[in-house]
Protein backbone atom coordinates (compact mmCIF):
# COMPACT_ATOMS: atom_id res chain seq x y z
CA UNK A 1 -43.11 -31.44 17.21
CA UNK A 2 -40.76 -30.99 14.24
CA UNK A 3 -37.73 -28.69 14.45
CA UNK A 4 -36.47 -27.25 11.16
CA UNK A 5 -32.81 -27.45 10.12
CA UNK A 6 -31.78 -24.45 8.02
CA UNK A 7 -28.62 -23.11 6.34
CA UNK A 8 -26.89 -20.79 8.84
CA UNK A 9 -25.35 -17.40 8.01
CA UNK A 10 -21.97 -18.04 6.34
CA UNK A 11 -20.49 -14.53 6.23
CA UNK A 12 -21.64 -11.30 4.67
CA UNK A 13 -20.11 -12.07 1.26
CA UNK A 14 -21.53 -15.61 1.04
CA UNK A 15 -25.12 -16.17 -0.04
CA UNK A 16 -25.09 -19.84 -1.00
CA UNK A 17 -23.40 -23.17 -0.30
CA UNK A 18 -23.24 -26.71 -1.66
CA UNK A 19 -24.35 -29.78 0.28
CA UNK A 20 -21.10 -31.70 0.76
CA UNK A 21 -22.07 -34.71 2.85
CA UNK A 22 -24.90 -35.85 5.09
CA UNK A 23 -23.41 -37.38 8.25
CA UNK A 24 -26.83 -38.66 9.35
CA UNK A 25 -29.62 -40.30 7.40
CA UNK A 26 -33.39 -40.04 7.74
CA UNK A 27 -34.49 -42.11 10.73
CA UNK A 28 -31.21 -41.75 12.62
CA UNK A 29 -31.20 -40.59 16.24
CA UNK A 30 -29.39 -37.27 16.78
CA UNK A 31 -28.20 -35.33 19.82
CA UNK A 32 -28.25 -31.57 20.36
CA UNK A 33 -25.30 -29.93 18.56
CA UNK A 34 -24.31 -33.20 16.87
CA UNK A 35 -23.03 -32.47 13.30
CA UNK A 36 -25.65 -33.41 10.72
CA UNK A 37 -24.53 -32.11 7.35
CA UNK A 38 -21.44 -30.56 5.83
CA UNK A 39 -21.76 -27.41 3.71
CA UNK A 40 -19.13 -26.18 1.25
CA UNK A 41 -18.70 -22.57 0.14
CA UNK A 42 -16.13 -20.90 -2.11
CA UNK A 43 -13.57 -20.87 0.68
CA UNK A 44 -14.61 -22.76 3.77
CA UNK A 45 -16.61 -25.77 4.84
CA UNK A 46 -18.89 -25.79 7.86
CA UNK A 47 -20.83 -28.44 9.72
CA UNK A 48 -24.45 -27.73 10.61
CA UNK A 49 -25.27 -29.07 14.10
CA UNK A 50 -28.60 -30.45 15.24
CA UNK A 51 -30.73 -27.68 16.81
CA UNK A 52 -32.56 -30.27 18.96
CA UNK A 53 -32.39 -33.91 20.03
CA UNK A 54 -34.63 -36.49 18.42
CA UNK A 55 -34.88 -38.35 15.13
CA UNK A 56 -33.87 -36.94 11.74
CA UNK A 57 -37.35 -37.07 10.26
CA UNK A 58 -36.64 -35.71 6.78
CA UNK A 59 -33.85 -34.55 4.46
CA UNK A 60 -34.97 -31.82 2.05
CA UNK A 61 -31.83 -31.47 -0.10
CA UNK A 62 -29.44 -34.00 -1.57
CA UNK A 63 -25.65 -34.04 -1.60
CA UNK A 64 -24.34 -31.80 -4.37
CA UNK A 65 -27.34 -29.44 -4.28
CA UNK A 66 -26.71 -25.69 -4.05
CA UNK A 67 -28.72 -23.95 -1.34
CA UNK A 68 -29.08 -20.35 -0.20
CA UNK A 69 -28.65 -19.04 3.34
CA UNK A 70 -31.68 -19.95 5.51
CA UNK A 71 -32.85 -22.62 3.06
CA UNK A 72 -34.57 -25.67 4.62
CA UNK A 73 -32.22 -28.65 4.95
CA UNK A 74 -34.45 -31.05 6.86
CA UNK A 75 -36.35 -31.54 10.09
CA UNK A 76 -35.96 -33.28 13.44
CA UNK A 77 -38.84 -35.04 15.23
CA UNK A 78 -38.29 -34.71 18.99
CA UNK A 79 -41.12 -37.18 19.70
CA UNK A 80 -39.36 -39.92 17.79
CA UNK A 81 -36.35 -39.95 20.07
CA UNK A 82 -37.60 -42.64 22.45
CA UNK A 83 -38.54 -45.04 19.70
CA UNK A 84 -35.11 -44.75 18.11
CA UNK A 85 -33.06 -45.17 21.28
CA UNK A 86 -33.88 -48.84 21.68
CA UNK A 87 -31.89 -50.12 18.68
CA UNK A 88 -28.88 -48.07 19.81
CA UNK A 89 -29.15 -49.56 23.26
CA UNK A 90 -29.39 -52.99 21.71
CA UNK A 91 -26.20 -52.32 19.75
CA UNK A 92 -24.49 -51.16 22.93
CA UNK A 93 -25.67 -54.31 24.70
CA UNK A 94 -24.15 -56.40 21.94
CA UNK A 95 -20.85 -54.53 22.31
CA UNK A 96 -20.90 -55.03 26.08
CA UNK A 97 -21.67 -58.72 25.64
CA UNK A 98 -18.71 -59.00 23.29
CA UNK A 99 -16.50 -57.24 25.81
CA UNK A 100 -17.72 -59.49 28.62
CA UNK A 101 -16.64 -62.52 26.62
CA UNK A 102 -13.09 -61.20 26.84
CA UNK A 103 -13.32 -60.33 30.55
CA UNK A 104 -10.03 -59.47 32.19
CA UNK A 105 -8.22 -58.79 28.93
CA UNK A 106 -5.93 -55.74 28.83
CA UNK A 107 -6.35 -53.54 25.76
CA UNK A 108 -3.72 -50.97 24.80
CA UNK A 109 -4.71 -47.42 23.90
CA UNK A 110 -2.14 -45.96 21.48
CA UNK A 111 -1.59 -42.73 19.57
CA UNK A 112 -3.46 -43.07 16.25
CA UNK A 113 -2.08 -41.95 12.88
CA UNK A 114 -3.00 -38.32 12.19
CA UNK A 115 -1.81 -37.84 8.62
CA UNK A 116 1.41 -38.66 6.77
CA UNK A 117 3.17 -35.43 7.83
CA UNK A 118 2.29 -35.75 11.54
CA UNK A 119 4.73 -37.84 13.58
CA UNK A 120 4.05 -36.66 17.13
CA UNK A 121 1.46 -34.97 19.32
CA UNK A 122 1.03 -33.42 22.75
CA UNK A 123 -1.25 -34.87 25.42
CA UNK A 124 -3.83 -32.13 25.84
CA UNK A 125 -6.19 -33.46 28.51
CA UNK A 126 -7.25 -36.78 30.01
CA UNK A 127 -11.03 -36.94 29.85
CA UNK A 128 -11.03 -40.09 32.03
CA UNK A 129 -8.94 -40.94 35.08
CA UNK A 130 -7.50 -44.23 36.35
CA UNK A 131 -10.30 -46.38 37.73
CA UNK A 132 -13.02 -44.74 35.61
CA UNK A 133 -15.36 -46.89 33.56
CA UNK A 134 -15.23 -46.30 29.81
CA UNK A 135 -17.59 -47.32 27.03
CA UNK A 136 -16.69 -48.38 23.51
CA UNK A 137 -15.78 -45.32 21.38
CA UNK A 138 -16.05 -42.98 24.39
CA UNK A 139 -13.41 -40.18 24.22
CA UNK A 140 -10.63 -40.91 26.71
CA UNK A 141 -7.88 -38.39 25.98
CA UNK A 142 -7.40 -35.36 23.71
CA UNK A 143 -4.28 -34.95 21.57
CA UNK A 144 -2.93 -31.82 19.90
CA UNK A 145 -0.79 -31.83 16.75
CA UNK A 146 0.60 -28.99 14.64
CA UNK A 147 -2.59 -29.02 12.58
CA UNK A 148 -5.47 -30.11 14.77
CA UNK A 149 -6.84 -31.33 18.08
CA UNK A 150 -8.53 -34.71 18.28
CA UNK A 151 -10.07 -37.03 20.86
CA UNK A 152 -8.85 -40.63 21.10
CA UNK A 153 -11.78 -43.02 21.74
CA UNK A 154 -11.72 -46.19 23.83
CA UNK A 155 -11.23 -49.29 21.64
CA UNK A 156 -13.21 -51.40 24.15
CA UNK A 157 -15.44 -51.08 27.19
CA UNK A 158 -13.93 -51.62 30.62
CA UNK A 159 -11.93 -49.80 33.29
CA UNK A 160 -9.11 -47.36 32.58
CA UNK A 161 -6.53 -49.38 34.49
CA UNK A 162 -3.37 -47.34 33.90
CA UNK A 163 -2.44 -43.99 32.32
CA UNK A 164 1.05 -44.17 30.81
CA UNK A 165 1.45 -40.67 29.28
CA UNK A 166 0.69 -37.55 31.30
CA UNK A 167 -0.97 -34.31 30.18
CA UNK A 168 1.61 -32.10 28.48
CA UNK A 169 3.83 -35.00 27.37
CA UNK A 170 4.94 -35.21 23.73
CA UNK A 171 4.29 -38.64 22.23
CA UNK A 172 4.98 -40.22 18.85
CA UNK A 173 2.43 -41.94 16.61
CA UNK A 174 1.91 -45.48 17.91
CA UNK A 175 3.10 -44.66 21.44
CA UNK A 176 1.27 -46.30 24.36
CA UNK A 177 -1.16 -43.93 26.10
CA UNK A 178 -3.03 -46.15 28.54
CA UNK A 179 -4.28 -49.64 29.33
CA UNK A 180 -7.97 -50.58 29.53
CA UNK A 181 -9.03 -53.71 31.38
CA UNK A 182 -12.15 -55.25 29.88
CA UNK A 183 -14.82 -57.01 31.89
CA UNK A 184 -14.26 -54.89 35.00
CA UNK A 185 -16.59 -52.12 33.89
CA UNK A 186 -19.82 -53.95 34.67
CA UNK A 187 -19.46 -54.17 38.45
CA UNK A 188 -18.04 -50.68 38.82
CA UNK A 189 -20.53 -49.30 36.35
CA UNK A 190 -23.44 -50.80 38.25
CA UNK A 191 -22.43 -48.98 41.42
CA UNK A 192 -22.16 -45.70 39.54
CA UNK A 193 -25.54 -46.23 37.88
CA UNK A 194 -27.16 -46.89 41.26
CA UNK A 195 -25.76 -43.64 42.63
CA UNK A 196 -26.64 -41.63 39.52
CA UNK A 197 -30.29 -40.76 40.40
CA UNK A 198 -29.28 -39.32 43.77
CA UNK A 199 -26.38 -37.40 42.28
CA UNK A 200 -28.59 -35.96 39.55
CA UNK A 201 -30.87 -34.38 42.12
CA UNK A 202 -28.06 -32.39 43.74
CA UNK A 203 -25.75 -31.47 40.88
CA UNK A 204 -25.78 -30.06 37.39
CA UNK A 205 -25.59 -32.27 34.34
CA UNK A 206 -22.51 -34.48 34.88
CA UNK A 207 -21.87 -35.54 31.32
CA UNK A 208 -20.55 -33.02 28.86
CA UNK A 209 -21.67 -33.14 25.25
CA UNK A 210 -19.14 -34.95 23.08
CA UNK A 211 -19.34 -32.08 20.59
CA UNK A 212 -17.45 -29.83 23.00
CA UNK A 213 -13.75 -29.33 22.30
CA UNK A 214 -11.28 -30.07 25.11
CA UNK A 215 -10.75 -26.46 26.26
CA UNK A 216 -14.41 -25.52 26.96
CA UNK A 217 -15.10 -29.04 28.26
CA UNK A 218 -12.45 -28.60 30.95
CA UNK A 219 -13.77 -25.17 32.02
CA UNK A 220 -17.37 -26.48 32.17
CA UNK A 221 -16.39 -29.57 34.14
CA UNK A 222 -14.25 -27.71 36.68
CA UNK A 223 -16.88 -25.00 37.18
CA UNK A 224 -19.84 -27.37 37.45
CA UNK A 225 -21.75 -25.62 34.67
CA UNK A 226 -24.62 -26.96 32.59
CA UNK A 227 -23.43 -26.96 28.93
CA UNK A 228 -27.03 -26.83 27.70
CA UNK A 229 -27.46 -23.47 29.43
CA UNK A 230 -24.46 -21.85 27.72
CA UNK A 231 -25.08 -19.87 24.53
CA UNK A 232 -22.46 -20.82 21.96
CA UNK A 233 -20.94 -18.11 19.76
CA UNK A 234 -18.64 -20.39 17.80
CA UNK A 235 -19.16 -21.79 14.31
CA UNK A 236 -22.50 -23.55 14.07
CA UNK A 237 -23.41 -22.39 17.58
CA UNK A 238 -20.63 -24.42 19.17
CA UNK A 239 -19.62 -23.50 22.72
CA UNK A 240 -16.11 -22.00 22.77
CA UNK A 241 -13.74 -21.63 25.69
CA UNK A 242 -14.61 -17.92 25.80
CA UNK A 243 -18.31 -18.80 26.15
CA UNK A 244 -17.52 -21.17 29.02
CA UNK A 245 -15.33 -18.59 30.79
CA UNK A 246 -18.02 -15.93 30.33
CA UNK A 247 -20.61 -18.27 31.86
CA UNK A 248 -18.27 -18.90 34.77
CA UNK A 249 -17.82 -15.17 35.39
CA UNK A 250 -21.51 -14.31 34.88
CA UNK A 251 -23.19 -13.27 38.14
CA UNK A 252 -25.98 -15.49 39.40
CA UNK A 253 -29.53 -14.14 39.50
CA UNK A 254 -30.66 -14.75 43.11
CA UNK A 255 -34.30 -15.29 43.99
CA UNK A 256 -33.81 -13.53 47.33
CA UNK A 257 -31.27 -11.41 49.16
CA UNK A 258 -28.04 -13.22 49.93
CA UNK A 259 -25.08 -12.65 52.16
CA UNK A 260 -21.98 -11.17 50.48
CA UNK A 261 -19.99 -13.81 48.66
CA UNK A 262 -16.65 -14.98 49.95
CA UNK A 263 -13.55 -13.14 48.71
CA UNK A 264 -12.22 -14.33 45.35
CA UNK A 265 -9.59 -16.99 45.72
CA UNK A 266 -6.02 -16.08 44.82
CA UNK A 267 -5.33 -16.74 41.15
CA UNK A 268 -9.01 -17.06 40.19
CA UNK A 269 -8.71 -14.04 37.88
CA UNK A 270 -6.32 -15.88 35.61
CA UNK A 271 -5.93 -19.23 33.96
CA UNK A 272 -2.75 -20.59 32.42
CA UNK A 273 -3.40 -22.77 29.37
CA UNK A 274 -0.64 -24.43 27.36
CA UNK A 275 -0.48 -23.27 23.75
CA UNK A 276 -1.43 -25.97 21.26
CA UNK A 277 1.20 -27.28 18.88
CA UNK A 278 -0.65 -25.86 15.91
CA UNK A 279 -0.83 -22.42 17.52
CA UNK A 280 2.88 -22.64 18.41
CA UNK A 281 3.73 -23.30 14.77
CA UNK A 282 1.53 -20.44 13.54
CA UNK A 283 2.97 -18.04 16.13
CA UNK A 284 6.55 -18.94 15.28
CA UNK A 285 6.08 -18.48 11.52
CA UNK A 286 4.24 -15.17 11.88
CA UNK A 287 6.94 -13.80 14.18
CA UNK A 288 9.68 -14.94 11.84
CA UNK A 289 7.97 -13.16 8.94
CA UNK A 290 7.71 -9.88 10.83
CA UNK A 291 11.28 -10.12 12.12
CA UNK A 292 13.00 -10.90 8.83
CA UNK A 293 10.95 -9.10 6.16
CA UNK A 294 10.23 -5.40 5.58
CA UNK A 295 6.45 -5.83 5.37
CA UNK A 296 4.36 -3.04 3.90
CA UNK A 297 0.68 -3.11 2.91
CA UNK A 298 -1.04 -1.16 0.14
CA UNK A 299 -4.76 -1.08 -0.60
CA UNK A 300 -7.24 -0.75 -3.43
CA UNK A 301 -10.89 -1.57 -3.96
CA UNK A 302 -12.69 -3.45 -6.70
CA UNK A 303 -16.21 -3.25 -8.08
CA UNK A 304 -17.42 -6.87 -8.01
CA UNK A 305 -20.47 -6.25 -10.22
CA UNK A 306 -19.00 -7.90 -13.33
CA UNK A 307 -17.81 -10.99 -11.44
CA UNK A 308 -21.15 -11.39 -9.67
CA UNK A 309 -23.06 -11.02 -12.96
CA UNK A 310 -20.73 -13.54 -14.63
CA UNK A 311 -21.36 -16.10 -11.90
CA UNK A 312 -25.13 -15.59 -12.07
CA UNK A 313 -25.18 -15.94 -15.84
CA UNK A 314 -23.10 -19.12 -16.08
CA UNK A 315 -23.56 -20.69 -12.64
CA UNK A 316 -25.87 -23.53 -13.63
CA UNK A 317 -24.14 -24.28 -16.95
CA UNK A 318 -20.69 -24.25 -15.32
CA UNK A 319 -21.76 -26.59 -12.52
CA UNK A 320 -23.57 -28.92 -14.92
CA UNK A 321 -20.50 -29.30 -17.13
CA UNK A 322 -17.72 -29.40 -14.54
CA UNK A 323 -19.46 -30.77 -11.44
CA UNK A 324 -18.37 -27.82 -9.32
CA UNK A 325 -19.82 -24.36 -8.88
CA UNK A 326 -18.00 -21.26 -10.09
CA UNK A 327 -16.67 -19.39 -7.08
CA UNK A 328 -14.75 -16.19 -6.47
CA UNK A 329 -11.48 -17.93 -5.63
CA UNK A 330 -10.74 -19.32 -9.08
CA UNK A 331 -11.29 -15.90 -10.63
CA UNK A 332 -9.03 -14.29 -8.04
CA UNK A 333 -6.34 -16.91 -8.67
CA UNK A 334 -6.46 -16.25 -12.41
CA UNK A 335 -6.45 -12.46 -11.89
CA UNK A 336 -3.42 -12.74 -9.59
CA UNK A 337 -1.52 -14.99 -12.00
CA UNK A 338 -1.94 -12.42 -14.78
CA UNK A 339 -0.75 -9.66 -12.47
CA UNK A 340 2.22 -11.73 -11.27
CA UNK A 341 3.40 -12.19 -14.84
CA UNK A 342 3.53 -8.41 -15.24
CA UNK A 343 5.12 -7.77 -11.83
CA UNK A 344 7.44 -10.80 -11.36
CA UNK A 345 9.07 -9.49 -8.17
CA UNK A 346 5.82 -10.19 -6.27
CA UNK A 347 6.22 -13.84 -7.31
CA UNK A 348 9.84 -13.97 -6.14
CA UNK A 349 11.74 -14.53 -2.89
CA UNK A 350 14.99 -13.46 -1.25
CA UNK A 351 17.73 -15.98 -0.46
CA UNK A 352 20.64 -14.29 1.29
CA UNK A 353 21.91 -11.65 -1.11
CA UNK A 354 20.10 -13.14 -4.13
CA UNK A 355 16.68 -12.64 -5.66
CA UNK A 356 14.99 -15.84 -6.89
CA UNK A 357 12.40 -15.12 -9.59
CA UNK A 358 9.88 -17.91 -10.14
CA UNK A 359 8.78 -18.88 -13.63
CA UNK A 360 5.94 -20.97 -12.22
CA UNK A 361 2.82 -19.89 -10.36
CA UNK A 362 1.99 -22.01 -7.34
CA UNK A 363 -0.74 -20.17 -5.46
CA UNK A 364 -1.36 -20.84 -1.78
CA UNK A 365 -5.03 -20.61 -0.86
CA UNK A 366 -5.91 -20.25 2.81
CA UNK A 367 -8.54 -22.87 3.70
CA UNK A 368 -10.51 -22.58 6.92
CA UNK A 369 -11.86 -25.49 8.96
CA UNK A 370 -12.96 -26.22 12.52
CA UNK A 371 -9.44 -27.45 13.19
CA UNK A 372 -7.64 -24.29 12.11
CA UNK A 373 -6.38 -22.39 9.08
CA UNK A 374 -4.07 -24.13 6.61
CA UNK A 375 -2.61 -23.00 3.28
CA UNK A 376 -2.44 -25.75 0.63
CA UNK A 377 -0.88 -24.86 -2.71
CA UNK A 378 -2.54 -24.96 -6.15
CA UNK A 379 0.37 -25.99 -8.38
CA UNK A 380 0.92 -24.44 -11.83
CA UNK A 381 -2.26 -22.38 -11.56
CA UNK A 382 -1.38 -20.59 -14.81
CA UNK A 383 -1.91 -23.86 -16.68
CA UNK A 384 -5.24 -24.69 -15.04
CA UNK A 385 -8.79 -23.82 -16.06
CA UNK A 386 -11.24 -22.15 -13.67
CA UNK A 387 -12.96 -25.50 -13.13
CA UNK A 388 -9.67 -27.26 -12.35
CA UNK A 389 -8.81 -24.59 -9.78
CA UNK A 390 -12.23 -24.85 -8.14
CA UNK A 391 -11.95 -28.65 -7.97
CA UNK A 392 -8.45 -28.44 -6.48
CA UNK A 393 -9.58 -25.98 -3.79
CA UNK A 394 -12.62 -28.11 -2.94
CA UNK A 395 -10.44 -31.21 -2.58
CA UNK A 396 -8.02 -29.34 -0.32
CA UNK A 397 -11.00 -28.23 1.77
CA UNK A 398 -12.08 -31.84 2.27
CA UNK A 399 -8.54 -32.88 3.20
CA UNK A 400 -8.21 -29.98 5.65
CA UNK A 401 -11.38 -31.05 7.48
CA UNK A 402 -10.27 -34.67 7.73
CA UNK A 403 -6.68 -33.81 8.66
CA UNK A 404 -5.30 -35.58 5.56
CA UNK A 405 -3.32 -32.67 4.11
CA UNK A 406 0.33 -33.63 3.69
CA UNK A 407 3.25 -31.35 4.40
CA UNK A 408 4.15 -31.42 0.71
CA UNK A 409 0.73 -30.03 -0.22
CA UNK A 410 1.33 -26.97 1.96
CA UNK A 411 4.90 -26.19 0.87
CA UNK A 412 6.47 -24.50 -2.13
CA UNK A 413 3.92 -21.78 -2.84
CA UNK A 414 5.08 -18.65 -4.66
CA UNK A 415 2.18 -16.35 -3.67
CA UNK A 416 -0.77 -16.58 -1.26
CA UNK A 417 -4.42 -15.45 -1.31
CA UNK A 418 -6.36 -15.13 1.96
CA UNK A 419 -10.08 -14.43 2.11
CA UNK A 420 -11.02 -12.88 5.44
CA UNK A 421 -14.27 -11.68 3.91
CA UNK A 422 -16.01 -14.97 4.63
CA UNK A 423 -15.68 -14.11 8.33
CA UNK A 424 -16.93 -10.54 7.84
CA UNK A 425 -13.57 -8.72 7.68
CA UNK A 426 -13.80 -5.27 6.08
CA UNK A 427 -10.07 -4.54 5.96
CA UNK A 428 -6.85 -6.18 7.14
CA UNK A 429 -3.07 -6.21 6.74
CA UNK A 430 -2.14 -9.86 6.08
CA UNK A 431 1.27 -11.18 7.15
CA UNK A 432 3.59 -12.79 4.59
CA UNK A 433 3.77 -16.54 4.25
CA UNK A 434 7.56 -16.81 4.11
CA UNK A 435 9.66 -17.08 2.04
CA UNK A 436 7.08 -15.54 -0.30
CA UNK A 437 7.22 -11.83 -1.06
CA UNK A 438 3.51 -11.15 -1.43
CA UNK A 439 0.09 -12.05 -0.05
CA UNK A 440 -3.29 -10.73 -1.19
CA UNK A 441 -6.05 -10.21 1.33
CA UNK A 442 -9.68 -10.38 0.14
CA UNK A 443 -12.46 -8.92 2.25
CA UNK A 444 -16.22 -8.86 2.49
CA UNK A 445 -18.31 -7.58 -0.40
CA UNK A 446 -20.32 -4.59 0.72
CA UNK A 447 -22.66 -2.30 -1.19
CA UNK A 448 -21.26 1.24 -1.05
CA UNK A 449 -21.98 4.52 -2.83
CA UNK A 450 -19.33 5.41 -5.43
CA UNK A 451 -19.04 7.97 -8.21
CA UNK A 452 -19.54 6.81 -11.80
CA UNK A 453 -19.63 9.31 -14.68
CA UNK A 454 -20.50 12.17 -12.36
CA UNK A 455 -23.29 10.25 -10.60
CA UNK A 456 -23.47 8.47 -7.26
CA UNK A 457 -24.35 4.80 -7.68
CA UNK A 458 -24.46 1.79 -5.38
CA UNK A 459 -22.03 -1.01 -6.20
CA UNK A 460 -20.88 -4.24 -4.48
CA UNK A 461 -17.36 -3.22 -3.47
CA UNK A 462 -14.48 -5.19 -1.95
CA UNK A 463 -11.28 -3.86 -0.42
CA UNK A 464 -8.06 -5.58 -1.52
CA UNK A 465 -4.88 -5.52 0.57
CA UNK A 466 -1.45 -6.50 -0.74
CA UNK A 467 1.22 -7.07 1.89
CA UNK A 468 4.68 -7.36 0.37
CA UNK A 469 8.37 -7.47 1.24
CA UNK A 470 9.63 -3.96 0.53
CA UNK A 471 13.18 -5.30 0.18
CA UNK A 472 12.29 -6.73 -3.21
CA UNK A 473 8.96 -5.13 -4.18
CA UNK A 474 8.87 -1.35 -4.66
CA UNK A 475 5.76 0.76 -4.15
CA UNK A 476 5.30 1.12 -7.91
CA UNK A 477 5.31 -2.65 -8.40
CA UNK A 478 2.83 -3.20 -5.55
CA UNK A 479 0.41 -0.57 -6.84
CA UNK A 480 0.72 -1.90 -10.40
CA UNK A 481 -0.06 -5.43 -9.19
CA UNK A 482 -3.19 -4.31 -7.35
CA UNK A 483 -4.39 -2.21 -10.28
CA UNK A 484 -4.03 -5.18 -12.65
CA UNK A 485 -5.97 -7.44 -10.27
CA UNK A 486 -8.67 -4.77 -10.03
CA UNK A 487 -8.88 -4.38 -13.82
CA UNK A 488 -9.06 -8.14 -14.39
CA UNK A 489 -11.94 -8.53 -11.95
CA UNK A 490 -13.90 -5.48 -13.07
CA UNK A 491 -13.55 -6.65 -16.69
CA UNK A 492 -13.15 -10.47 -16.65
CA UNK A 493 -12.87 -10.56 -20.44
CA UNK A 494 -9.30 -9.30 -19.98
CA UNK A 495 -8.47 -12.72 -18.52
CA UNK A 496 -9.73 -14.47 -21.66
CA UNK A 497 -7.83 -12.12 -23.95
CA UNK A 498 -4.67 -12.19 -21.76
CA UNK A 499 -4.56 -8.38 -21.54
């Protein structure tokens, strides 16, 4: 039986996406929730997981194609799973044979490089304990950096002989994490395999899907839950920590009357979880912004009809010529640059008792990924074409997903644009990205009734929110900035004529 793979909902304001990269090819074996294909939208990239286990029977769209929400991407043949497992097992056997040849050798597990700007990480959780058997490429420990969380795989099969760094420790890139002894896994593994059938009859699924992040994996393991029975609410249907905790707290459905359950253990109502390094950095910067700046937010709305019509009219021609589709972000960047030239204080910053006015326009664009939200900077946006801006944002999106963004690429912005609309946000009050004095929040596009020439008409409307530092930007300047952005988007020809 074939299971269809379709484009998931990507937010109320997003109707289409581009096929970025296929991570599996036709004929490959896939697991449930294993990432299959990467989709790119105007602002964010998402991975589409496998809805079922089996063999990727067909791929309906090629990389670079533009597809609409719910479009068919491919299909999975569940009946082909058994036939495709054999080669994988053969490959594993080859790896084990190679490991056996080096029996008794001690292999070091060290902190891998995580990008040029990342020099250290925190030990999040050990997924294996001393004495456990590990397979080649099996996740052994999770690390957390300022930007992302990642699992460190075993470089060889064997036994986890010694753990050097403990959970919660801060370690530098290249630091020793553990030692794996090769050749010892076979005898220990055989005993575990012999006991596995009996254990399976009396317990829930013991192995947790590798697609789970460390936080929900820990909750599921400690609670003895079946991950396949938990409904994921995260991106792409992924199981989040909240889903795991909800499943833990959910009451069981008994088949017959039962005696009252034992009293809840002390402390079971709470769980203390260490904040990740990335969340610590975000929290510190947000608090600093609120503590040091006089933040005020003003609002306006914009009729997106002209922008939507422009994209529809030139979408295919633009993509054919430039190799990238025309999105909202490049138009917003251009509209903001024009407005910043008229209201320069929004493009400035405060340094002690001085105002620093910027004569360049480096626009920070918030890019979302599974690993968190980062803000790379599009340099000299006033000198770039729409296509160049779109290409720059797409490249930053790819780097954000792979963790390759450098610190330099996220510093030095003069103004920031954040698009919460892709997540369904109707209205928000964004916090400044210091030391900048302004940040524009975009929101979802929603058809609403408005008055035009004495008549009520339906238009695709978007709320805009400008948060600014009232120490340097007055109310008049903030309102003027928003009005200019609104005018440039409702009449895009103003951008061409520099009006």
